Amino acid sequence: GLCGRNYYGTITSCYATGAVSGESSVGGLCGYNSGTITSCYATGAVSGNLGVGGLCGENYYGTITSCYATGAVTGTYEFSRVGGLCGENCGTITSCYATGAVSGTSLVGGLCGWNYEGTITSCYATVAVSGTYWYVGGLCGKNCYGTITSCLCDGRCERNF
């Protein structure tokens, strides 16, 4: 999208509208974030193998605030970690949303595919989510040692085992 890796930097009031594809850490706006992303959005379709998100592929101890993603997101690897906003979150996501369809194999969620020790607050997903194997959810595919507070999901969630 806009940035392959945001390494402890700041991205504010930016957007990306084109389709993005890659192998891992693939995002509509940023592939890998360990910094701060605020008031940004992405609207293009995103596809990859693992760590795939509509806005950010992997949020690794970074912060994402007041952002959204509307494009369709697809992951193909066995444990794909695919989310409408973020594929994998180990950081903080606040006041964000996703509206594009999400599909993958495992760890597939409307907002976040895998929330590992992360915090998700005041977010929502209104998407159709489909997964082939394990951990498929309307908001988050799998929440592992993380915290999810004041969130909402509204959409169809389907596991095709």
Protein backbone atom coordinates (compact mmCIF):
# COMPACT_ATOMS: atom_id res chain seq x y z
CA GLY A 1 0.00 0.00 0.00
CA LEU A 2 1.65 3.13 1.27
CA CYS A 3 4.50 1.64 3.31
CA GLY A 4 6.10 -1.80 3.46
CA ARG A 5 7.33 -1.36 7.04
CA ASN A 6 6.68 1.40 9.55
CA TYR A 7 9.59 0.90 11.94
CA TYR A 8 8.82 2.98 15.04
CA GLY A 9 7.71 5.86 12.81
CA THR A 10 4.43 7.75 12.58
CA ILE A 11 1.89 7.68 9.76
CA THR A 12 -0.95 10.18 10.12
CA SER A 13 -3.93 11.15 7.90
CA CYS A 14 -2.81 9.00 4.95
CA TYR A 15 -4.65 6.62 2.65
CA ALA A 16 -4.09 3.98 -0.02
CA THR A 17 -6.62 2.93 -2.66
CA GLY A 18 -4.87 0.36 -4.87
CA ALA A 19 -4.86 -3.43 -4.71
CA VAL A 20 -1.92 -4.98 -2.81
CA SER A 21 -0.58 -8.53 -3.00
CA GLY A 22 2.45 -10.29 -1.58
CA GLU A 23 3.72 -13.25 0.46
CA SER A 24 3.73 -12.21 4.13
CA SER A 25 3.11 -9.05 6.17
CA VAL A 26 0.81 -7.65 3.48
CA GLY A 27 -1.44 -4.67 4.21
CA GLY A 28 -3.54 -2.21 2.27
CA LEU A 29 -1.74 0.72 3.92
CA CYS A 30 1.24 -0.83 5.73
CA GLY A 31 2.69 -4.34 5.66
CA TYR A 32 4.38 -4.33 9.08
CA ASN A 33 3.85 -1.73 11.80
CA SER A 34 5.84 -1.23 14.99
CA GLY A 35 5.13 2.50 15.15
CA THR A 36 1.99 4.62 15.16
CA ILE A 37 -0.73 4.80 12.51
CA THR A 38 -3.48 7.38 13.11
CA SER A 39 -6.52 8.56 11.10
CA CYS A 40 -5.66 6.52 8.00
CA TYR A 41 -7.59 4.26 5.64
CA ALA A 42 -7.19 1.73 2.84
CA THR A 43 -9.82 0.76 0.25
CA GLY A 44 -8.11 -1.68 -2.13
CA ALA A 45 -8.26 -5.48 -2.17
CA VAL A 46 -5.40 -7.20 -0.30
CA SER A 47 -4.12 -10.75 -0.83
CA GLY A 48 -1.20 -12.78 0.44
CA ASN A 49 -0.14 -15.95 2.21
CA LEU A 50 0.13 -14.97 5.88
CA GLY A 51 -0.14 -11.85 8.00
CA VAL A 52 -2.65 -10.22 5.66
CA GLY A 53 -4.85 -7.25 6.62
CA GLY A 54 -7.00 -4.63 4.95
CA LEU A 55 -5.01 -1.83 6.62
CA CYS A 56 -1.97 -3.54 8.20
CA GLY A 57 -0.57 -7.05 7.76
CA GLU A 58 1.12 -7.23 11.17
CA ASN A 59 0.88 -4.75 14.04
CA TYR A 60 3.88 -5.71 16.18
CA TYR A 61 3.70 -3.70 19.41
CA GLY A 62 2.55 -0.69 17.40
CA THR A 63 -0.51 1.49 17.79
CA ILE A 64 -3.34 1.87 15.28
CA THR A 65 -5.98 4.51 16.11
CA SER A 66 -9.05 5.87 14.27
CA CYS A 67 -8.39 3.93 11.05
CA TYR A 68 -10.49 1.81 8.70
CA ALA A 69 -10.27 -0.61 5.78
CA THR A 70 -12.97 -1.41 3.21
CA GLY A 71 -11.31 -3.72 0.66
CA ALA A 72 -11.69 -7.50 0.41
CA VAL A 73 -8.89 -9.41 2.16
CA THR A 74 -7.69 -12.92 1.24
CA GLY A 75 -5.02 -15.17 2.79
CA THR A 76 -3.95 -18.53 1.42
CA TYR A 77 -1.38 -20.11 3.79
CA GLU A 78 -2.50 -22.90 6.17
CA PHE A 79 -2.36 -20.59 9.23
CA SER A 80 -2.92 -17.42 7.25
CA ARG A 81 -3.69 -14.84 10.01
CA VAL A 82 -6.10 -12.75 7.95
CA GLY A 83 -8.18 -9.80 9.15
CA GLY A 84 -10.34 -7.07 7.66
CA LEU A 85 -8.17 -4.43 9.38
CA CYS A 86 -5.11 -6.30 10.67
CA GLY A 87 -3.86 -9.85 10.07
CA GLU A 88 -1.92 -10.21 13.31
CA ASN A 89 -2.00 -7.85 16.30
CA CYS A 90 0.48 -7.80 19.19
CA GLY A 91 -0.08 -4.10 19.83
CA THR A 92 -2.97 -1.71 20.35
CA ILE A 93 -5.91 -1.07 18.03
CA THR A 94 -8.43 1.60 19.09
CA SER A 95 -11.54 3.10 17.42
CA CYS A 96 -11.08 1.30 14.10
CA TYR A 97 -13.34 -0.65 11.75
CA ALA A 98 -13.39 -2.93 8.72
CA THR A 99 -16.10 -3.51 6.12
CA GLY A 100 -14.54 -5.65 3.35
CA ALA A 101 -15.10 -9.41 2.96
CA VAL A 102 -12.42 -11.57 4.60
CA SER A 103 -11.42 -15.11 3.59
CA GLY A 104 -8.59 -17.43 4.52
CA THR A 105 -7.73 -20.82 5.95
CA SER A 106 -7.08 -20.47 9.70
CA LEU A 107 -6.94 -17.51 12.12
CA VAL A 108 -9.44 -15.46 10.11
CA GLY A 109 -11.38 -12.54 11.61
CA GLY A 110 -13.54 -9.64 10.50
CA LEU A 111 -11.27 -7.10 12.21
CA CYS A 112 -8.20 -9.11 13.27
CA GLY A 113 -7.11 -12.64 12.37
CA TRP A 114 -4.94 -13.29 15.45
CA ASN A 115 -4.83 -11.03 18.50
CA TYR A 116 -1.77 -12.26 20.40
CA GLU A 117 -1.26 -10.36 23.66
CA GLY A 118 -2.74 -7.28 21.96
CA THR A 119 -5.45 -4.85 22.98
CA ILE A 120 -8.47 -4.07 20.80
CA THR A 121 -10.84 -1.36 22.07
CA SER A 122 -13.97 0.32 20.66
CA CYS A 123 -13.71 -1.31 17.23
CA TYR A 124 -16.17 -3.00 14.89
CA ALA A 125 -16.38 -5.19 11.81
CA THR A 126 -19.35 -5.46 9.46
CA VAL A 127 -17.99 -8.06 7.09
CA ALA A 128 -18.62 -11.52 5.69
CA VAL A 129 -15.92 -13.82 7.09
CA SER A 130 -15.09 -17.27 5.74
CA GLY A 131 -12.38 -19.73 6.73
CA THR A 132 -11.48 -23.26 5.83
CA TYR A 133 -10.05 -24.71 9.05
CA TRP A 134 -9.64 -23.35 12.59
CA TYR A 135 -10.26 -20.12 14.42
CA VAL A 136 -12.74 -18.18 12.32
CA GLY A 137 -14.60 -15.28 13.98
CA GLY A 138 -16.69 -12.25 13.16
CA LEU A 139 -14.40 -9.84 15.02
CA CYS A 140 -11.27 -11.88 15.80
CA GLY A 141 -10.23 -15.33 14.61
CA LYS A 142 -8.28 -16.10 17.79
CA ASN A 143 -7.67 -14.01 20.88
CA CYS A 144 -4.60 -15.41 22.68
CA TYR A 145 -3.73 -13.63 25.96
CA GLY A 146 -5.17 -10.42 24.52
CA THR A 147 -7.86 -7.98 25.62
CA ILE A 148 -10.93 -7.05 23.58
CA THR A 149 -13.20 -4.34 25.04
CA SER A 150 -16.34 -2.53 23.78
CA CYS A 151 -16.27 -4.05 20.28
CA LEU A 152 -18.96 -5.17 17.84
CA CYS A 153 -19.18 -7.51 14.89
CA ASP A 154 -22.08 -7.72 12.48
CA GLY A 155 -21.89 -9.95 9.46
CA ARG A 156 -21.94 -13.52 8.29
CA CYS A 157 -19.23 -15.81 9.69
CA GLU A 158 -18.72 -19.18 8.05
CA ARG A 159 -16.28 -22.02 8.64
CA ASN A 160 -16.04 -24.45 5.74
CA PHE A 161 -14.29 -27.40 7.37
